[in-house]
Every structure is written in C-alpha cells, then in structure tokens.
C-alpha cells in the first residue's frame, strides 16, 4: 500500500513540475508584453514632452517680440515690424536688430522655425505667428508637411 502511495506521489510531482514550467513560460510572455507596452508608452511620453518643450519656446519667443514692439511702439504701429514667413529682415536700427535677433532665435530654437508679424487696423491688433516642424501628429499640425503654428494676438 505504501508503494502505491509513493508511485502516486511521484507521478503527481512530475505533473506539477511540468505545469510549473508552462506557467513560468506564460508568465514570462505576459511580462514581456507588458514591458513592451511600457517601452511604447515611454516613447510616446518623450514625443509629447518634446512637443511641449517646443511649444513653450515658441510662446516665449512670441512674447519676446511683443515686448520689443511695445518698447518701440511708434515703429510697431507704423508697420515697421511686419514680416512674413521666410523673409530675412534687413539689419540696422532698432527694428532691424530686433527682427534679426528674433528670427535668429526662432531658427536656432525650433526645428525649421519661421516667424511672421502683422499689425492690423486702427486698433493695432498684432498677430504674431511662429511655425516649426513637429513630427508628432497633433490636432494643430498641418498633416501634409508636419508644421505646427503658434499664434499670439495682442494689442500694442
């Protein structure tokens, strides 16, 4: 009788070892899939963080030129600060130096960065636009070329 119990006990141990090995393989598979998901989440998080960093830089650059225009209000109201995307400002004078420094800062801070300024109407509503290349698909990204545009409207 004891021999029969020992045989059942031995066969039960063999089955448990096999099940344990299968369980370990399944657990390893589940953990691997989870780690791959975490790696993908980390990648997306880095992309959004970089996009946020670029948007913050654009915001700071827009307020920088707005402050420069307020410091030189007469020239700004006369439209001397008006510039379109891709234009190269001519140097000299306060306005030329402000625009050159601003465009240079945009080009060095933002990937494929460009700036545009337009003073409109008697209210002197100023629209400052900064655009740059962002490979992330955001809702404000132009799908064709990946450009994001930040717009600041202010009164001088």
Protein backbone atom coordinates (compact mmCIF):
# COMPACT_ATOMS: atom_id res chain seq x y z
CA UNK A 1 0.00 0.00 0.00
CA UNK A 2 2.83 2.38 0.81
CA UNK A 3 4.47 1.62 -2.50
CA UNK A 4 1.28 2.56 -4.29
CA UNK A 5 1.14 5.94 -2.45
CA UNK A 6 4.77 6.62 -3.30
CA UNK A 7 4.07 5.97 -7.01
CA UNK A 8 1.08 8.34 -6.98
CA UNK A 9 3.11 10.94 -5.12
CA UNK A 10 6.00 10.66 -7.61
CA UNK A 11 3.70 10.96 -10.64
CA UNK A 12 1.97 13.92 -9.01
CA UNK A 13 5.32 15.65 -8.55
CA UNK A 14 6.20 15.09 -12.20
CA UNK A 15 2.91 16.67 -13.30
CA UNK A 16 3.43 19.65 -11.01
CA UNK A 17 6.89 20.31 -12.41
CA UNK A 18 5.50 20.36 -15.97
CA UNK A 19 2.65 22.67 -15.08
CA UNK A 20 5.07 24.96 -13.24
CA UNK A 21 7.28 25.20 -16.32
CA UNK A 22 4.30 26.07 -18.55
CA UNK A 23 3.12 28.62 -16.01
CA UNK A 24 6.57 30.20 -15.96
CA UNK A 25 6.62 30.46 -19.76
CA UNK A 26 3.17 32.07 -19.80
CA UNK A 27 4.20 34.47 -17.03
CA UNK A 28 7.34 35.36 -18.98
CA UNK A 29 5.24 36.02 -22.07
CA UNK A 30 2.80 38.24 -20.16
CA UNK A 31 5.64 40.20 -18.53
CA UNK A 32 7.37 40.62 -21.90
CA UNK A 33 4.21 42.04 -23.48
CA UNK A 34 3.79 44.37 -20.51
CA UNK A 35 7.36 45.62 -20.77
CA UNK A 36 6.95 46.23 -24.50
CA UNK A 37 3.84 48.26 -23.71
CA UNK A 38 5.75 50.30 -21.14
CA UNK A 39 8.53 50.96 -23.63
CA UNK A 40 5.98 52.21 -26.16
CA UNK A 41 4.36 54.40 -23.52
CA UNK A 42 7.76 55.86 -22.63
CA UNK A 43 8.42 56.64 -26.29
CA UNK A 44 5.08 58.44 -26.71
CA UNK A 45 5.68 60.33 -23.47
CA UNK A 46 9.04 61.56 -24.74
CA UNK A 47 7.47 62.75 -28.00
CA UNK A 48 4.76 64.71 -26.19
CA UNK A 49 7.32 66.13 -23.76
CA UNK A 50 9.49 67.35 -26.65
CA UNK A 51 6.47 68.89 -28.40
CA UNK A 52 5.55 70.68 -25.18
CA UNK A 53 9.11 71.98 -24.90
CA UNK A 54 8.97 73.36 -28.46
CA UNK A 55 5.58 75.00 -27.83
CA UNK A 56 6.93 76.65 -24.66
CA UNK A 57 9.87 78.03 -26.63
CA UNK A 58 7.51 79.39 -29.30
CA UNK A 59 5.38 81.02 -26.60
CA UNK A 60 8.43 82.68 -25.04
CA UNK A 61 9.68 83.90 -28.43
CA UNK A 62 6.28 85.37 -29.31
CA UNK A 63 6.11 87.29 -26.04
CA UNK A 64 9.71 88.42 -26.51
CA UNK A 65 8.99 90.15 -29.82
CA UNK A 66 5.72 91.55 -28.46
CA UNK A 67 7.66 93.18 -25.61
CA UNK A 68 10.24 94.53 -28.05
CA UNK A 69 7.43 96.00 -30.14
CA UNK A 70 5.87 97.63 -27.08
CA UNK A 71 9.25 99.17 -26.25
CA UNK A 72 9.35 100.66 -29.77
CA UNK A 73 5.61 101.33 -30.04
CA UNK A 74 5.66 104.04 -32.74
CA UNK A 75 7.65 101.91 -35.18
CA UNK A 76 5.44 98.89 -34.44
CA UNK A 77 2.23 100.85 -35.03
CA UNK A 78 3.62 102.12 -38.33
CA UNK A 79 4.06 98.52 -39.50
CA UNK A 80 7.86 98.51 -39.46
CA UNK A 81 7.86 95.17 -37.60
CA UNK A 82 5.65 93.47 -40.21
CA UNK A 83 7.43 90.43 -41.61
CA UNK A 84 6.20 87.31 -43.40
CA UNK A 85 7.24 83.68 -43.09
CA UNK A 86 10.64 83.02 -44.63
CA UNK A 87 11.56 86.69 -45.01
CA UNK A 88 15.03 87.83 -43.99
CA UNK A 89 14.94 91.16 -42.13
CA UNK A 90 17.43 93.82 -43.08
CA UNK A 91 19.81 94.88 -40.34
CA UNK A 92 20.30 98.30 -38.89
CA UNK A 93 18.32 100.33 -36.46
CA UNK A 94 16.32 99.10 -33.52
CA UNK A 95 13.63 97.45 -35.66
CA UNK A 96 16.11 95.64 -37.91
CA UNK A 97 18.17 94.40 -34.97
CA UNK A 98 15.05 93.25 -33.07
CA UNK A 99 13.78 91.30 -36.07
CA UNK A 100 17.18 89.77 -36.87
CA UNK A 101 17.66 88.61 -33.28
CA UNK A 102 14.10 87.27 -33.13
CA UNK A 103 14.33 85.35 -36.41
CA UNK A 104 17.76 84.02 -35.42
CA UNK A 105 16.38 82.82 -32.08
CA UNK A 106 13.46 81.10 -33.82
CA UNK A 107 15.74 79.35 -36.31
CA UNK A 108 18.12 78.10 -33.63
CA UNK A 109 15.48 77.10 -31.07
CA UNK A 110 12.80 75.48 -33.22
CA UNK A 111 13.31 72.89 -36.00
CA UNK A 112 12.65 74.63 -39.33
CA UNK A 113 11.29 77.59 -37.34
CA UNK A 114 9.88 80.68 -39.05
CA UNK A 115 8.14 83.79 -37.78
CA UNK A 116 5.54 86.22 -39.07
CA UNK A 117 4.28 89.52 -37.63
CA UNK A 118 1.30 91.52 -38.84
CA UNK A 119 -0.04 94.73 -37.29
CA UNK A 120 -3.64 95.32 -38.43
CA UNK A 121 -6.19 98.11 -38.34
CA UNK A 122 -6.68 101.16 -36.21
CA UNK A 123 -6.84 99.06 -33.04
CA UNK A 124 -3.28 97.94 -33.77
CA UNK A 125 -4.11 94.31 -33.16
CA UNK A 126 -0.85 92.46 -33.67
CA UNK A 127 -0.76 88.85 -34.81
CA UNK A 128 2.49 87.02 -34.18
CA UNK A 129 2.77 83.56 -35.74
CA UNK A 130 5.59 81.11 -35.24
CA UNK A 131 5.67 77.80 -37.04
CA UNK A 132 8.02 74.85 -36.83
CA UNK A 133 8.33 71.22 -37.83
CA UNK A 134 6.84 68.71 -35.42
CA UNK A 135 6.71 65.07 -36.49
CA UNK A 136 4.10 64.19 -33.88
CA UNK A 137 0.52 64.11 -35.18
CA UNK A 138 -1.10 66.81 -33.08
CA UNK A 139 -4.51 68.29 -33.79
CA UNK A 140 -2.97 71.64 -34.73
CA UNK A 141 -0.35 70.10 -37.02
CA UNK A 142 -0.68 70.57 -40.76
CA UNK A 143 -0.88 66.92 -41.82
CA UNK A 144 0.81 67.46 -45.19
CA UNK A 145 4.09 68.92 -44.00
CA UNK A 146 4.07 68.44 -40.21
CA UNK A 147 4.19 72.15 -39.38
CA UNK A 148 2.76 73.43 -36.10
CA UNK A 149 1.74 77.09 -35.87
CA UNK A 150 1.61 79.03 -32.62
CA UNK A 151 -0.39 82.27 -32.83
CA UNK A 152 -0.36 85.17 -30.37
CA UNK A 153 -2.77 88.07 -30.82
CA UNK A 154 -2.17 91.16 -28.74
CA UNK A 155 -2.86 94.88 -28.75
CA UNK A 156 0.07 97.28 -28.81
